[in-house]
Amino acid sequence: MMTIAHGRRLAFLGRNDLRDALQLVTVGLSSPEEVVRLDFKPGLLELTGPGAATAIDAQCEWSVTILVDAGAMARFADVLPDVPNLSLEVRTGQLFIGGTGFVMKSMMEVAPPAIQLPIGADTLQVLVAVAHRGEIAVGASLGQDRIEAAKADKQARIEAAASILKALGATRPDIENLVEAILRRHTK
């Protein structure tokens, strides 16, 4: 992890963009240990949280990754300062958004539990893991190509089932809804 200099401004971005992004990425918040990952890149701030991942335009001054408590970010999204643009900077070991500071976490403190799937995991096992843990976490373990292959296999099977059951009045959306219900059942 990169050392972050004291008093260093990381980005300048629109208030509403940040609010919308924080609300999106914290939607699946279920545990006090969860974090929001902020990846500052040239012209872009990527946010990844328990609920989703998104990116917003930002004037980023240097590239760095910071992890911040997701619960604090979810609460802060509702009370952002009423200004059109916000500055994000690091001071005294904290990420400041406007005048509000948040303790930053190191990667070691928040390492996710390992994803364990059998070698040669089938489509259902991969898709259930993605539904349960998120595409980013599973992709880091299995590789994005395996996730894409599972998605393609799912779509091909849905297409085949819809074709076979068309004579009985089943449509592709009917089959897709059934498959999604099955995946949800397996993630409980």
N, C-alpha and C. Protein backbone atom coordinates (compact mmCIF):
# COMPACT_ATOMS: atom_id res chain seq x y z
N MET A 1 0.84 -1.17 0.00
CA MET A 1 0.00 0.00 0.00
C MET A 1 0.89 1.24 0.00
N MET A 2 0.49 2.25 -0.71
CA MET A 2 1.27 3.46 -0.85
C MET A 2 1.19 4.32 0.41
N THR A 3 2.27 4.92 0.81
CA THR A 3 2.26 5.86 1.92
C THR A 3 1.64 7.16 1.44
N ILE A 4 0.75 7.70 2.26
CA ILE A 4 0.05 8.91 1.87
C ILE A 4 0.59 10.08 2.67
N ALA A 5 1.03 11.10 1.98
CA ALA A 5 1.62 12.26 2.65
C ALA A 5 0.56 13.04 3.42
N HIS A 6 0.94 13.55 4.57
CA HIS A 6 0.07 14.38 5.40
C HIS A 6 -0.34 15.64 4.64
N GLY A 7 -1.61 16.00 4.72
CA GLY A 7 -2.09 17.22 4.10
C GLY A 7 -2.19 17.15 2.59
N ARG A 8 -2.27 15.98 2.02
CA ARG A 8 -2.28 15.82 0.57
C ARG A 8 -3.72 15.76 0.04
N ARG A 9 -4.05 16.65 -0.91
CA ARG A 9 -5.38 16.60 -1.52
C ARG A 9 -5.39 15.50 -2.56
N LEU A 10 -6.41 14.65 -2.48
CA LEU A 10 -6.51 13.52 -3.40
C LEU A 10 -7.41 13.83 -4.58
N ALA A 11 -8.52 14.53 -4.33
CA ALA A 11 -9.48 14.72 -5.41
C ALA A 11 -10.40 15.89 -5.11
N PHE A 12 -11.02 16.35 -6.18
CA PHE A 12 -12.03 17.39 -6.12
C PHE A 12 -13.18 16.89 -6.98
N LEU A 13 -14.39 16.79 -6.41
CA LEU A 13 -15.49 16.20 -7.18
C LEU A 13 -16.82 16.78 -6.76
N GLY A 14 -17.85 16.49 -7.56
CA GLY A 14 -19.19 17.01 -7.33
C GLY A 14 -19.88 16.33 -6.14
N ARG A 15 -20.54 17.14 -5.31
CA ARG A 15 -21.23 16.65 -4.12
C ARG A 15 -22.28 15.61 -4.48
N ASN A 16 -23.14 15.91 -5.44
CA ASN A 16 -24.23 14.99 -5.78
C ASN A 16 -23.71 13.68 -6.34
N ASP A 17 -22.63 13.74 -7.13
CA ASP A 17 -22.02 12.51 -7.65
C ASP A 17 -21.53 11.63 -6.51
N LEU A 18 -20.87 12.26 -5.53
CA LEU A 18 -20.36 11.49 -4.39
C LEU A 18 -21.51 10.91 -3.57
N ARG A 19 -22.54 11.71 -3.31
CA ARG A 19 -23.70 11.23 -2.55
C ARG A 19 -24.32 10.01 -3.21
N ASP A 20 -24.58 10.11 -4.51
CA ASP A 20 -25.21 9.00 -5.23
C ASP A 20 -24.33 7.76 -5.21
N ALA A 21 -23.03 7.94 -5.40
CA ALA A 21 -22.10 6.81 -5.41
C ALA A 21 -22.04 6.14 -4.03
N LEU A 22 -21.96 6.94 -2.96
CA LEU A 22 -21.91 6.36 -1.62
C LEU A 22 -23.19 5.61 -1.27
N GLN A 23 -24.33 6.16 -1.67
CA GLN A 23 -25.59 5.47 -1.40
C GLN A 23 -25.65 4.15 -2.14
N LEU A 24 -25.14 4.11 -3.36
CA LEU A 24 -25.14 2.87 -4.15
C LEU A 24 -24.23 1.82 -3.54
N VAL A 25 -23.00 2.17 -3.25
CA VAL A 25 -22.03 1.15 -2.82
C VAL A 25 -22.26 0.67 -1.39
N THR A 26 -23.05 1.40 -0.59
CA THR A 26 -23.31 0.95 0.78
C THR A 26 -24.68 0.32 0.93
N VAL A 27 -25.38 0.08 -0.15
CA VAL A 27 -26.75 -0.45 -0.07
C VAL A 27 -26.81 -1.84 0.56
N GLY A 28 -25.79 -2.65 0.41
CA GLY A 28 -25.82 -4.01 0.95
C GLY A 28 -25.15 -4.14 2.31
N LEU A 29 -24.98 -3.04 3.01
CA LEU A 29 -24.27 -3.04 4.28
C LEU A 29 -24.95 -3.95 5.30
N SER A 30 -24.20 -4.93 5.81
CA SER A 30 -24.78 -5.86 6.78
C SER A 30 -23.88 -6.12 7.98
N SER A 31 -22.67 -5.65 7.94
CA SER A 31 -21.72 -5.96 9.01
C SER A 31 -20.89 -4.72 9.34
N PRO A 32 -20.61 -4.50 10.63
CA PRO A 32 -19.82 -3.32 10.99
C PRO A 32 -18.38 -3.36 10.50
N GLU A 33 -17.91 -4.53 10.05
CA GLU A 33 -16.53 -4.63 9.57
C GLU A 33 -16.38 -4.28 8.09
N GLU A 34 -17.48 -4.04 7.39
CA GLU A 34 -17.40 -3.81 5.95
C GLU A 34 -16.80 -2.44 5.65
N VAL A 35 -16.17 -2.35 4.48
CA VAL A 35 -15.48 -1.13 4.09
C VAL A 35 -15.92 -0.68 2.70
N VAL A 36 -15.65 0.58 2.44
CA VAL A 36 -15.76 1.13 1.09
C VAL A 36 -14.33 1.34 0.62
N ARG A 37 -14.04 0.82 -0.56
CA ARG A 37 -12.72 0.99 -1.16
C ARG A 37 -12.80 2.16 -2.13
N LEU A 38 -11.92 3.13 -1.93
CA LEU A 38 -11.85 4.30 -2.79
C LEU A 38 -10.56 4.21 -3.60
N ASP A 39 -10.68 4.06 -4.90
CA ASP A 39 -9.53 4.01 -5.79
C ASP A 39 -9.46 5.32 -6.56
N PHE A 40 -8.50 6.14 -6.19
CA PHE A 40 -8.30 7.43 -6.86
C PHE A 40 -7.42 7.19 -8.07
N LYS A 41 -7.92 7.56 -9.25
CA LYS A 41 -7.18 7.39 -10.50
C LYS A 41 -7.29 8.69 -11.29
N PRO A 42 -6.42 8.90 -12.26
CA PRO A 42 -6.50 10.13 -13.04
C PRO A 42 -7.90 10.33 -13.65
N GLY A 43 -8.58 11.40 -13.24
CA GLY A 43 -9.88 11.74 -13.79
C GLY A 43 -11.04 10.90 -13.28
N LEU A 44 -10.79 10.02 -12.30
CA LEU A 44 -11.81 9.06 -11.92
C LEU A 44 -11.65 8.64 -10.46
N LEU A 45 -12.76 8.50 -9.76
CA LEU A 45 -12.77 7.91 -8.43
C LEU A 45 -13.66 6.67 -8.50
N GLU A 46 -13.06 5.50 -8.26
CA GLU A 46 -13.83 4.25 -8.24
C GLU A 46 -14.16 3.92 -6.80
N LEU A 47 -15.42 3.58 -6.55
CA LEU A 47 -15.86 3.21 -5.21
C LEU A 47 -16.40 1.79 -5.25
N THR A 48 -15.96 0.96 -4.32
CA THR A 48 -16.43 -0.41 -4.22
C THR A 48 -16.84 -0.65 -2.78
N GLY A 49 -18.06 -1.11 -2.60
CA GLY A 49 -18.55 -1.37 -1.26
C GLY A 49 -19.28 -2.69 -1.18
N PRO A 50 -19.95 -2.94 -0.06
CA PRO A 50 -20.66 -4.20 0.10
C PRO A 50 -21.83 -4.35 -0.86
N GLY A 51 -22.36 -3.23 -1.38
CA GLY A 51 -23.54 -3.30 -2.23
C GLY A 51 -23.26 -3.30 -3.71
N ALA A 52 -22.21 -2.64 -4.12
CA ALA A 52 -21.97 -2.47 -5.56
C ALA A 52 -20.63 -1.77 -5.75
N ALA A 53 -20.34 -1.53 -7.02
CA ALA A 53 -19.15 -0.76 -7.39
C ALA A 53 -19.59 0.26 -8.43
N THR A 54 -18.96 1.42 -8.40
CA THR A 54 -19.27 2.45 -9.37
C THR A 54 -18.05 3.36 -9.53
N ALA A 55 -18.10 4.23 -10.49
CA ALA A 55 -17.03 5.20 -10.71
C ALA A 55 -17.66 6.55 -11.02
N ILE A 56 -17.00 7.60 -10.57
CA ILE A 56 -17.47 8.95 -10.85
C ILE A 56 -16.31 9.81 -11.33
N ASP A 57 -16.65 10.82 -12.12
CA ASP A 57 -15.63 11.76 -12.59
C ASP A 57 -15.10 12.56 -11.41
N ALA A 58 -13.80 12.71 -11.36
CA ALA A 58 -13.18 13.47 -10.27
C ALA A 58 -11.85 14.01 -10.75
N GLN A 59 -11.48 15.15 -10.23
CA GLN A 59 -10.16 15.70 -10.51
C GLN A 59 -9.20 15.12 -9.48
N CYS A 60 -8.67 13.95 -9.78
CA CYS A 60 -7.75 13.28 -8.85
C CYS A 60 -6.33 13.74 -9.12
N GLU A 61 -5.63 14.06 -8.05
CA GLU A 61 -4.28 14.59 -8.19
C GLU A 61 -3.21 13.52 -8.14
N TRP A 62 -3.52 12.33 -7.63
CA TRP A 62 -2.57 11.23 -7.66
C TRP A 62 -3.32 9.93 -7.43
N SER A 63 -2.70 8.82 -7.77
CA SER A 63 -3.34 7.52 -7.68
C SER A 63 -3.03 6.85 -6.34
N VAL A 64 -4.09 6.42 -5.67
CA VAL A 64 -3.95 5.74 -4.38
C VAL A 64 -5.25 5.00 -4.08
N THR A 65 -5.17 3.99 -3.23
CA THR A 65 -6.35 3.26 -2.77
C THR A 65 -6.47 3.44 -1.26
N ILE A 66 -7.69 3.76 -0.83
CA ILE A 66 -7.97 3.96 0.59
C ILE A 66 -9.20 3.14 0.95
N LEU A 67 -9.18 2.54 2.14
CA LEU A 67 -10.33 1.81 2.66
C LEU A 67 -10.89 2.58 3.85
N VAL A 68 -12.22 2.75 3.85
CA VAL A 68 -12.89 3.51 4.90
C VAL A 68 -14.11 2.72 5.37
N ASP A 69 -14.47 2.86 6.63
CA ASP A 69 -15.62 2.18 7.22
C ASP A 69 -16.89 2.44 6.40
N ALA A 70 -17.55 1.37 5.96
CA ALA A 70 -18.74 1.50 5.10
C ALA A 70 -19.92 2.11 5.85
N GLY A 71 -20.08 1.77 7.12
CA GLY A 71 -21.18 2.34 7.91
C GLY A 71 -21.07 3.84 8.03
N ALA A 72 -19.86 4.32 8.28
CA ALA A 72 -19.64 5.77 8.37
C ALA A 72 -19.93 6.44 7.03
N MET A 73 -19.53 5.80 5.94
CA MET A 73 -19.79 6.35 4.61
C MET A 73 -21.29 6.39 4.31
N ALA A 74 -22.02 5.34 4.71
CA ALA A 74 -23.47 5.29 4.48
C ALA A 74 -24.16 6.43 5.23
N ARG A 75 -23.78 6.64 6.48
CA ARG A 75 -24.38 7.73 7.27
C ARG A 75 -24.00 9.10 6.70
N PHE A 76 -22.76 9.23 6.27
CA PHE A 76 -22.28 10.50 5.76
C PHE A 76 -22.95 10.88 4.44
N ALA A 77 -23.32 9.90 3.63
CA ALA A 77 -23.95 10.17 2.34
C ALA A 77 -25.22 11.00 2.50
N ASP A 78 -25.91 10.83 3.63
CA ASP A 78 -27.16 11.55 3.86
C ASP A 78 -26.96 12.98 4.37
N VAL A 79 -25.76 13.31 4.81
CA VAL A 79 -25.53 14.63 5.41
C VAL A 79 -24.31 15.34 4.83
N LEU A 80 -24.02 15.09 3.56
CA LEU A 80 -22.89 15.76 2.92
C LEU A 80 -23.04 17.28 3.02
N PRO A 81 -21.94 18.00 3.14
CA PRO A 81 -22.02 19.46 3.17
C PRO A 81 -22.75 19.99 1.93
N ASP A 82 -23.53 21.03 2.12
CA ASP A 82 -24.34 21.58 1.03
C ASP A 82 -23.52 22.56 0.19
N VAL A 83 -22.56 21.99 -0.52
CA VAL A 83 -21.72 22.76 -1.44
C VAL A 83 -21.67 21.99 -2.76
N PRO A 84 -21.47 22.69 -3.89
CA PRO A 84 -21.50 21.98 -5.17
C PRO A 84 -20.35 21.00 -5.37
N ASN A 85 -19.18 21.32 -4.84
CA ASN A 85 -18.01 20.47 -5.02
C ASN A 85 -17.32 20.23 -3.68
N LEU A 86 -16.72 19.05 -3.55
CA LEU A 86 -16.04 18.67 -2.32
C LEU A 86 -14.59 18.32 -2.60
N SER A 87 -13.75 18.63 -1.63
CA SER A 87 -12.34 18.25 -1.70
C SER A 87 -12.13 17.04 -0.80
N LEU A 88 -11.41 16.04 -1.30
CA LEU A 88 -11.03 14.87 -0.51
C LEU A 88 -9.54 14.95 -0.28
N GLU A 89 -9.13 14.89 0.97
CA GLU A 89 -7.70 14.97 1.27
C GLU A 89 -7.35 14.12 2.48
N VAL A 90 -6.07 13.88 2.65
CA VAL A 90 -5.56 13.10 3.77
C VAL A 90 -4.85 14.05 4.72
N ARG A 91 -5.26 13.98 6.00
CA ARG A 91 -4.61 14.75 7.07
C ARG A 91 -4.61 13.89 8.32
N THR A 92 -3.53 13.89 9.03
CA THR A 92 -3.41 13.18 10.32
C THR A 92 -3.95 11.76 10.26
N GLY A 93 -3.63 11.04 9.20
CA GLY A 93 -4.03 9.64 9.09
C GLY A 93 -5.50 9.42 8.83
N GLN A 94 -6.19 10.46 8.41
CA GLN A 94 -7.62 10.34 8.12
C GLN A 94 -7.91 10.86 6.72
N LEU A 95 -8.98 10.32 6.13
CA LEU A 95 -9.50 10.85 4.88
C LEU A 95 -10.52 11.92 5.25
N PHE A 96 -10.30 13.13 4.76
CA PHE A 96 -11.25 14.21 5.01
C PHE A 96 -12.06 14.45 3.74
N ILE A 97 -13.37 14.48 3.91
CA ILE A 97 -14.28 14.87 2.83
C ILE A 97 -14.91 16.16 3.32
N GLY A 98 -14.54 17.26 2.66
CA GLY A 98 -14.91 18.56 3.22
C GLY A 98 -14.20 18.68 4.56
N GLY A 99 -14.95 18.97 5.62
CA GLY A 99 -14.36 19.10 6.95
C GLY A 99 -14.53 17.87 7.83
N THR A 100 -15.05 16.78 7.29
CA THR A 100 -15.32 15.58 8.09
C THR A 100 -14.24 14.54 7.85
N GLY A 101 -13.66 14.03 8.94
CA GLY A 101 -12.58 13.05 8.85
C GLY A 101 -13.06 11.63 9.10
N PHE A 102 -12.45 10.68 8.39
CA PHE A 102 -12.76 9.26 8.53
C PHE A 102 -11.45 8.49 8.70
N VAL A 103 -11.43 7.59 9.66
CA VAL A 103 -10.25 6.76 9.89
C VAL A 103 -10.06 5.86 8.68
N MET A 104 -8.84 5.81 8.18
CA MET A 104 -8.53 4.91 7.06
C MET A 104 -8.08 3.57 7.61
N LYS A 105 -8.42 2.50 6.90
CA LYS A 105 -8.02 1.16 7.31
C LYS A 105 -6.96 0.65 6.36
N SER A 106 -6.11 -0.21 6.87
CA SER A 106 -5.10 -0.82 6.00
C SER A 106 -5.69 -2.07 5.37
N MET A 107 -5.08 -2.54 4.30
CA MET A 107 -5.53 -3.75 3.63
C MET A 107 -5.46 -4.95 4.57
N MET A 108 -4.47 -4.98 5.46
CA MET A 108 -4.31 -6.12 6.36
C MET A 108 -5.48 -6.24 7.33
N GLU A 109 -6.06 -5.12 7.74
CA GLU A 109 -7.15 -5.15 8.71
C GLU A 109 -8.43 -5.71 8.12
N VAL A 110 -8.59 -5.61 6.81
CA VAL A 110 -9.88 -5.95 6.22
C VAL A 110 -9.78 -7.02 5.15
N ALA A 111 -8.77 -7.83 5.19
CA ALA A 111 -8.64 -8.89 4.18
C ALA A 111 -9.88 -9.77 4.23
N PRO A 112 -10.55 -9.97 3.10
CA PRO A 112 -11.77 -10.78 3.11
C PRO A 112 -11.46 -12.25 3.32
N PRO A 113 -12.41 -12.99 3.88
CA PRO A 113 -12.19 -14.43 3.99
C PRO A 113 -12.03 -15.04 2.61
N ALA A 114 -11.24 -16.08 2.53
CA ALA A 114 -10.99 -16.73 1.24
C ALA A 114 -12.27 -17.32 0.67
N ILE A 115 -12.37 -17.29 -0.64
CA ILE A 115 -13.49 -17.93 -1.33
C ILE A 115 -13.02 -19.32 -1.72
N GLN A 116 -13.71 -20.32 -1.23
CA GLN A 116 -13.31 -21.69 -1.50
C GLN A 116 -14.35 -22.36 -2.39
N LEU A 117 -13.94 -22.64 -3.60
CA LEU A 117 -14.76 -23.37 -4.56
C LEU A 117 -13.95 -24.55 -5.04
N PRO A 118 -14.62 -25.65 -5.37
CA PRO A 118 -13.87 -26.80 -5.87
C PRO A 118 -13.20 -26.48 -7.21
N ILE A 119 -12.10 -27.15 -7.49
CA ILE A 119 -11.46 -27.01 -8.79
C ILE A 119 -12.47 -27.47 -9.83
N GLY A 120 -12.62 -26.70 -10.88
CA GLY A 120 -13.59 -27.03 -11.92
C GLY A 120 -15.02 -26.75 -11.48
N ALA A 121 -15.21 -25.77 -10.59
CA ALA A 121 -16.55 -25.43 -10.12
C ALA A 121 -17.49 -25.22 -11.30
N ASP A 122 -18.72 -25.73 -11.16
CA ASP A 122 -19.67 -25.60 -12.26
C ASP A 122 -20.31 -24.21 -12.27
N THR A 123 -21.13 -23.97 -13.28
CA THR A 123 -21.75 -22.67 -13.47
C THR A 123 -22.54 -22.25 -12.24
N LEU A 124 -23.35 -23.14 -11.70
CA LEU A 124 -24.16 -22.81 -10.53
C LEU A 124 -23.28 -22.40 -9.35
N GLN A 125 -22.23 -23.13 -9.09
CA GLN A 125 -21.35 -22.81 -7.96
C GLN A 125 -20.71 -21.43 -8.13
N VAL A 126 -20.28 -21.12 -9.34
CA VAL A 126 -19.66 -19.82 -9.59
C VAL A 126 -20.68 -18.70 -9.44
N LEU A 127 -21.87 -18.87 -10.02
CA LEU A 127 -22.89 -17.82 -9.96
C LEU A 127 -23.41 -17.61 -8.54
N VAL A 128 -23.52 -18.68 -7.77
CA VAL A 128 -23.94 -18.55 -6.37
C VAL A 128 -22.87 -17.80 -5.58
N ALA A 129 -21.61 -18.10 -5.83
CA ALA A 129 -20.52 -17.39 -5.15
C ALA A 129 -20.56 -15.90 -5.50
N VAL A 130 -20.80 -15.58 -6.76
CA VAL A 130 -20.89 -14.17 -7.19
C VAL A 130 -22.08 -13.50 -6.51
N ALA A 131 -23.23 -14.17 -6.45
CA ALA A 131 -24.41 -13.59 -5.82
C ALA A 131 -24.18 -13.37 -4.32
N HIS A 132 -23.43 -14.26 -3.71
CA HIS A 132 -23.21 -14.20 -2.27
C HIS A 132 -22.09 -13.23 -1.89
N ARG A 133 -20.98 -13.26 -2.60
CA ARG A 133 -19.77 -12.51 -2.21
C ARG A 133 -19.46 -11.31 -3.10
N GLY A 134 -20.08 -11.25 -4.27
CA GLY A 134 -19.81 -10.14 -5.18
C GLY A 134 -18.81 -10.51 -6.26
N GLU A 135 -18.97 -9.89 -7.41
CA GLU A 135 -18.15 -10.23 -8.56
C GLU A 135 -16.68 -9.87 -8.35
N ILE A 136 -16.41 -8.79 -7.66
CA ILE A 136 -15.02 -8.38 -7.46
C ILE A 136 -14.28 -9.41 -6.62
N ALA A 137 -14.88 -9.84 -5.51
CA ALA A 137 -14.22 -10.80 -4.62
C ALA A 137 -14.02 -12.14 -5.31
N VAL A 138 -15.05 -12.62 -6.01
CA VAL A 138 -14.94 -13.91 -6.70
C VAL A 138 -13.96 -13.80 -7.86
N GLY A 139 -14.01 -12.69 -8.58
CA GLY A 139 -13.08 -12.48 -9.69
C GLY A 139 -11.63 -12.47 -9.24
N ALA A 140 -11.38 -11.92 -8.04
CA ALA A 140 -10.02 -11.91 -7.51
C ALA A 140 -9.54 -13.32 -7.20
N SER A 141 -10.47 -14.20 -6.88
CA SER A 141 -10.11 -15.58 -6.53
C SER A 141 -10.05 -16.49 -7.76
N LEU A 142 -11.10 -16.44 -8.57
CA LEU A 142 -11.20 -17.36 -9.72
C LEU A 142 -10.69 -16.77 -11.02
N GLY A 143 -10.73 -15.47 -11.13
CA GLY A 143 -10.41 -14.81 -12.39
C GLY A 143 -11.70 -14.39 -13.08
N GLN A 144 -11.68 -13.21 -13.65
CA GLN A 144 -12.87 -12.66 -14.31
C GLN A 144 -13.31 -13.52 -15.49
N ASP A 145 -12.37 -14.18 -16.16
CA ASP A 145 -12.74 -15.01 -17.30
C ASP A 145 -13.65 -16.17 -16.88
N ARG A 146 -13.45 -16.72 -15.70
CA ARG A 146 -14.30 -17.82 -15.22
C ARG A 146 -15.71 -17.32 -14.92
N ILE A 147 -15.81 -16.11 -14.40
CA ILE A 147 -17.13 -15.52 -14.15
C ILE A 147 -17.85 -15.26 -15.46
N GLU A 148 -17.13 -14.70 -16.43
CA GLU A 148 -17.74 -14.43 -17.74
C GLU A 148 -18.19 -15.73 -18.41
N ALA A 149 -17.40 -16.79 -18.27
CA ALA A 149 -17.78 -18.09 -18.84
C ALA A 149 -19.04 -18.62 -18.17
N ALA A 150 -19.16 -18.45 -16.86
CA ALA A 150 -20.36 -18.91 -16.15
C ALA A 150 -21.58 -18.11 -16.58
N LYS A 151 -21.42 -16.80 -16.76
CA LYS A 151 -22.53 -15.97 -17.22
C LYS A 151 -22.96 -16.37 -18.64
N ALA A 152 -21.99 -16.62 -19.50
CA ALA A 152 -22.30 -17.02 -20.88
C ALA A 152 -23.01 -18.38 -20.89
N ASP A 153 -22.54 -19.30 -20.06
CA ASP A 153 -23.18 -20.62 -19.96
C ASP A 153 -24.61 -20.48 -19.46
N LYS A 154 -24.82 -19.63 -18.47
CA LYS A 154 -26.17 -19.40 -17.95
C LYS A 154 -27.08 -18.87 -19.05
N GLN A 155 -26.60 -17.88 -19.81
CA GLN A 155 -27.42 -17.31 -20.88
C GLN A 155 -27.73 -18.34 -21.96
N ALA A 156 -26.75 -19.17 -22.31
CA ALA A 156 -26.98 -20.20 -23.33
C ALA A 156 -28.02 -21.21 -22.85
N ARG A 157 -27.95 -21.58 -21.58
CA ARG A 157 -28.91 -22.54 -21.04
C ARG A 157 -30.31 -21.93 -20.95
N ILE A 158 -30.39 -20.66 -20.60
CA ILE A 158 -31.69 -19.98 -20.57
C ILE A 158 -32.29 -19.94 -21.96
N GLU A 159 -31.46 -19.61 -22.94
CA GLU A 159 -31.92 -19.57 -24.34
C GLU A 159 -32.43 -20.93 -24.79
N ALA A 160 -31.69 -21.99 -24.47
CA ALA A 160 -32.10 -23.35 -24.85
C ALA A 160 -33.40 -23.73 -24.16
N ALA A 161 -33.53 -23.42 -22.87
CA ALA A 161 -34.75 -23.76 -22.14
C ALA A 161 -35.94 -22.99 -22.69
N ALA A 162 -35.75 -21.72 -23.00
CA ALA A 162 -36.83 -20.91 -23.56
C ALA A 162 -37.28 -21.46 -24.91
N SER A 163 -36.33 -21.90 -25.70
CA SER A 163 -36.65 -22.48 -27.01
C SER A 163 -37.46 -23.77 -26.85
N ILE A 164 -37.02 -24.63 -25.94
CA ILE A 164 -37.71 -25.91 -25.71
C ILE A 164 -39.11 -25.69 -25.15
N LEU A 165 -39.27 -24.74 -24.25
CA LEU A 165 -40.55 -24.54 -23.56
C LEU A 165 -41.45 -23.51 -24.24
N LYS A 166 -41.03 -22.99 -25.37
CA LYS A 166 -41.82 -21.99 -26.09
C LYS A 166 -43.20 -22.52 -26.43
N ALA A 167 -43.29 -23.78 -26.84
CA ALA A 167 -44.58 -24.38 -27.20
C ALA A 167 -45.55 -24.43 -26.02
N LEU A 168 -45.01 -24.38 -24.81
CA LEU A 168 -45.86 -24.40 -23.61
C LEU A 168 -46.16 -22.98 -23.11
N GLY A 169 -45.73 -21.97 -23.85
CA GLY A 169 -46.01 -20.59 -23.50
C GLY A 169 -44.97 -19.92 -22.62
N ALA A 170 -43.88 -20.61 -22.34
CA ALA A 170 -42.82 -20.02 -21.51
C ALA A 170 -42.00 -19.05 -22.36
N THR A 171 -41.68 -17.93 -21.77
CA THR A 171 -40.87 -16.93 -22.47
C THR A 171 -39.48 -16.86 -21.84
N ARG A 172 -38.58 -16.20 -22.54
CA ARG A 172 -37.23 -16.03 -21.99
C ARG A 172 -37.25 -15.32 -20.64
N PRO A 173 -38.04 -14.23 -20.49
CA PRO A 173 -38.10 -13.60 -19.16
C PRO A 173 -38.63 -14.55 -18.07
N ASP A 174 -39.56 -15.44 -18.42
CA ASP A 174 -40.05 -16.43 -17.45
C ASP A 174 -38.89 -17.30 -16.97
N ILE A 175 -38.09 -17.78 -17.91
CA ILE A 175 -36.97 -18.66 -17.58
C ILE A 175 -35.91 -17.89 -16.79
N GLU A 176 -35.63 -16.63 -17.20
CA GLU A 176 -34.65 -15.82 -16.47
C GLU A 176 -35.08 -15.60 -15.03
N ASN A 177 -36.37 -15.30 -14.82
CA ASN A 177 -36.88 -15.10 -13.46
C ASN A 177 -36.74 -16.37 -12.62
N LEU A 178 -37.02 -17.51 -13.23
CA LEU A 178 -36.88 -18.79 -12.53
C LEU A 178 -35.42 -19.03 -12.12
N VAL A 179 -34.51 -18.79 -13.04
CA VAL A 179 -33.09 -18.99 -12.76
C VAL A 179 -32.63 -18.06 -11.64
N GLU A 180 -33.04 -16.79 -11.69
CA GLU A 180 -32.66 -15.84 -10.63
C GLU A 180 -33.22 -16.27 -9.28
N ALA A 181 -34.44 -16.79 -9.26
CA ALA A 181 -35.02 -17.29 -8.00
C ALA A 181 -34.22 -18.47 -7.46
N ILE A 182 -33.78 -19.34 -8.34
CA ILE A 182 -32.95 -20.49 -7.93
C ILE A 182 -31.63 -20.00 -7.34
N LEU A 183 -31.01 -19.03 -7.99
CA LEU A 183 -29.74 -18.48 -7.48
C LEU A 183 -29.94 -17.84 -6.11
N ARG A 184 -31.04 -17.08 -5.94
CA ARG A 184 -31.32 -16.47 -4.63
C ARG A 184 -31.51 -17.53 -3.56
N ARG A 185 -32.20 -18.61 -3.90
CA ARG A 185 -32.44 -19.69 -2.94
C ARG A 185 -31.11 -20.31 -2.49
N HIS A 186 -30.17 -20.42 -3.40
CA HIS A 186 -28.87 -21.03 -3.07
C HIS A 186 -27.97 -20.10 -2.26
N THR A 187 -28.27 -18.81 -2.20
CA THR A 187 -27.42 -17.88 -1.44
C THR A 187 -27.91 -17.68 -0.02
N LYS A 188 -29.01 -18.29 0.35
CA LYS A 188 -29.54 -18.14 1.72
C LYS A 188 -28.88 -19.08 2.67
